[in-house]
Amino acid sequence: MSPGPDPETQGKRDPADTVHVDVRVTWWRRYGQNRLLVEEDGRRLGSLDLLDGNIEVDSPGREDEVRAALTDYLATRPGVPRPPQPVLP
């Protein structure tokens, strides 16, 4: 039988328990679209169209952050199809 929760640590958070994520990238595939959406706190910062490589940035001044998030996402997920060379409009 395992001992119950430790009353000294129960309900307390260790900094290693949480991860701060600045932006979230979601692979969205519906209605003939195939995109990576970049969001922060539910607000869309930009997207990458995986069919034509077009990058849309919805938050001026955050182009570098959107590109970095997309690059990191694609680098860690080999199952996501690679678009043609991405370009800013």
C-alpha atoms as a PDB file:
ATOM      1  CA  MET A   1       0.000   0.000   0.000  1.00  0.00           C
ATOM      2  CA  SER A   2       1.449   3.345  -1.006  1.00  0.00           C
ATOM      3  CA  PRO A   3       1.589   6.178   1.460  1.00  0.00           C
ATOM      4  CA  GLY A   4      -0.835   9.057   0.909  1.00  0.00           C
ATOM      5  CA  PRO A   5       0.147  12.462  -0.412  1.00  0.00           C
ATOM      6  CA  ASP A   6       2.884  14.266   1.446  1.00  0.00           C
ATOM      7  CA  PRO A   7       1.165  17.040   3.426  1.00  0.00           C
ATOM      8  CA  GLU A   8       4.351  19.141   3.219  1.00  0.00           C
ATOM      9  CA  THR A   9       4.256  19.332  -0.593  1.00  0.00           C
ATOM     10  CA  GLN A  10       0.586  18.738  -1.405  1.00  0.00           C
ATOM     11  CA  GLY A  11      -0.872  21.652  -3.344  1.00  0.00           C
ATOM     12  CA  LYS A  12       2.485  23.378  -3.779  1.00  0.00           C
ATOM     13  CA  ARG A  13       4.002  23.881  -7.204  1.00  0.00           C
ATOM     14  CA  ASP A  14       7.546  23.243  -8.168  1.00  0.00           C
ATOM     15  CA  PRO A  15       8.801  25.551 -10.953  1.00  0.00           C
ATOM     16  CA  ALA A  16       9.526  22.403 -12.990  1.00  0.00           C
ATOM     17  CA  ASP A  17       5.789  21.550 -12.975  1.00  0.00           C
ATOM     18  CA  THR A  18       4.859  24.368 -15.304  1.00  0.00           C
ATOM     19  CA  VAL A  19       6.168  25.459 -18.662  1.00  0.00           C
ATOM     20  CA  HIS A  20       5.788  29.008 -19.918  1.00  0.00           C
ATOM     21  CA  VAL A  21       4.938  29.039 -23.592  1.00  0.00           C
ATOM     22  CA  ASP A  22       4.955  32.371 -25.355  1.00  0.00           C
ATOM     23  CA  VAL A  23       3.111  31.240 -28.474  1.00  0.00           C
ATOM     24  CA  ARG A  24       1.254  28.128 -29.570  1.00  0.00           C
ATOM     25  CA  VAL A  25       1.368  26.593 -33.039  1.00  0.00           C
ATOM     26  CA  THR A  26      -1.579  24.454 -34.131  1.00  0.00           C
ATOM     27  CA  TRP A  27      -1.813  22.350 -37.288  1.00  0.00           C
ATOM     28  CA  TRP A  28      -5.255  23.131 -38.752  1.00  0.00           C
ATOM     29  CA  ARG A  29      -6.681  21.004 -41.575  1.00  0.00           C
ATOM     30  CA  ARG A  30     -10.268  21.651 -42.619  1.00  0.00           C
ATOM     31  CA  TYR A  31     -12.350  22.755 -45.606  1.00  0.00           C
ATOM     32  CA  GLY A  32      -9.491  22.153 -48.046  1.00  0.00           C
ATOM     33  CA  GLN A  33      -7.111  24.296 -45.984  1.00  0.00           C
ATOM     34  CA  ASN A  34      -3.856  23.045 -44.486  1.00  0.00           C
ATOM     35  CA  ARG A  35      -2.275  25.635 -42.198  1.00  0.00           C
ATOM     36  CA  LEU A  36      -0.139  26.153 -39.150  1.00  0.00           C
ATOM     37  CA  LEU A  37      -1.735  28.779 -36.911  1.00  0.00           C
ATOM     38  CA  VAL A  38       0.418  30.785 -34.498  1.00  0.00           C
ATOM     39  CA  GLU A  39      -1.490  32.108 -31.482  1.00  0.00           C
ATOM     40  CA  GLU A  40      -0.814  33.779 -28.163  1.00  0.00           C
ATOM     41  CA  ASP A  41      -3.485  33.719 -25.451  1.00  0.00           C
ATOM     42  CA  GLY A  42      -6.122  32.821 -28.062  1.00  0.00           C
ATOM     43  CA  ARG A  43      -5.191  35.731 -30.345  1.00  0.00           C
ATOM     44  CA  ARG A  44      -3.902  34.843 -33.785  1.00  0.00           C
ATOM     45  CA  LEU A  45      -0.458  36.220 -34.558  1.00  0.00           C
ATOM     46  CA  GLY A  46      -0.076  34.645 -37.976  1.00  0.00           C
ATOM     47  CA  SER A  47      -0.234  31.501 -40.066  1.00  0.00           C
ATOM     48  CA  LEU A  48       1.614  29.443 -42.650  1.00  0.00           C
ATOM     49  CA  ASP A  49      -0.296  27.978 -45.574  1.00  0.00           C
ATOM     50  CA  LEU A  50       1.234  24.528 -46.049  1.00  0.00           C
ATOM     51  CA  LEU A  51      -0.138  24.312 -49.595  1.00  0.00           C
ATOM     52  CA  ASP A  52       1.560  27.380 -51.059  1.00  0.00           C
ATOM     53  CA  GLY A  53       4.102  28.446 -48.397  1.00  0.00           C
ATOM     54  CA  ASN A  54       2.502  31.852 -47.831  1.00  0.00           C
ATOM     55  CA  ILE A  55       3.055  33.327 -44.356  1.00  0.00           C
ATOM     56  CA  GLU A  56       0.475  35.795 -43.070  1.00  0.00           C
ATOM     57  CA  VAL A  57       1.397  37.943 -40.084  1.00  0.00           C
ATOM     58  CA  ASP A  58      -1.621  39.412 -38.296  1.00  0.00           C
ATOM     59  CA  SER A  59       0.339  41.281 -35.613  1.00  0.00           C
ATOM     60  CA  PRO A  60       2.632  43.970 -37.035  1.00  0.00           C
ATOM     61  CA  GLY A  61       6.118  43.920 -35.574  1.00  0.00           C
ATOM     62  CA  ARG A  62       5.992  40.229 -34.649  1.00  0.00           C
ATOM     63  CA  GLU A  63       7.112  38.736 -37.964  1.00  0.00           C
ATOM     64  CA  ASP A  64      10.345  37.339 -36.501  1.00  0.00           C
ATOM     65  CA  GLU A  65       8.483  35.695 -33.617  1.00  0.00           C
ATOM     66  CA  VAL A  66       5.933  34.106 -35.970  1.00  0.00           C
ATOM     67  CA  ARG A  67       8.693  32.798 -38.260  1.00  0.00           C
ATOM     68  CA  ALA A  68      10.673  31.424 -35.292  1.00  0.00           C
ATOM     69  CA  ALA A  69       7.615  29.619 -33.901  1.00  0.00           C
ATOM     70  CA  LEU A  70       6.864  28.073 -37.306  1.00  0.00           C
ATOM     71  CA  THR A  71      10.496  27.042 -37.822  1.00  0.00           C
ATOM     72  CA  ASP A  72      10.667  25.409 -34.371  1.00  0.00           C
ATOM     73  CA  TYR A  73       7.363  23.604 -34.930  1.00  0.00           C
ATOM     74  CA  LEU A  74       8.410  22.191 -38.295  1.00  0.00           C
ATOM     75  CA  ALA A  75      11.835  21.178 -36.971  1.00  0.00           C
ATOM     76  CA  THR A  76      10.308  19.030 -34.222  1.00  0.00           C
ATOM     77  CA  ARG A  77       7.457  17.437 -36.175  1.00  0.00           C
ATOM     78  CA  PRO A  78       8.598  15.364 -39.141  1.00  0.00           C
ATOM     79  CA  GLY A  79       5.030  14.238 -39.907  1.00  0.00           C
ATOM     80  CA  VAL A  80       3.883  17.714 -40.917  1.00  0.00           C
ATOM     81  CA  PRO A  81       4.164  18.264 -44.679  1.00  0.00           C
ATOM     82  CA  ARG A  82       6.733  20.827 -45.716  1.00  0.00           C
ATOM     83  CA  PRO A  83       5.409  23.740 -47.738  1.00  0.00           C
ATOM     84  CA  PRO A  84       7.096  25.312 -50.722  1.00  0.00           C
ATOM     85  CA  GLN A  85       9.650  27.948 -49.687  1.00  0.00           C
ATOM     86  CA  PRO A  86       7.738  30.294 -47.290  1.00  0.00           C
ATOM     87  CA  VAL A  87       7.580  33.954 -48.232  1.00  0.00           C
ATOM     88  CA  LEU A  88       6.081  37.032 -46.640  1.00  0.00           C
ATOM     89  CA  PRO A  89       3.416  38.714 -48.776  1.00  0.00           C
END
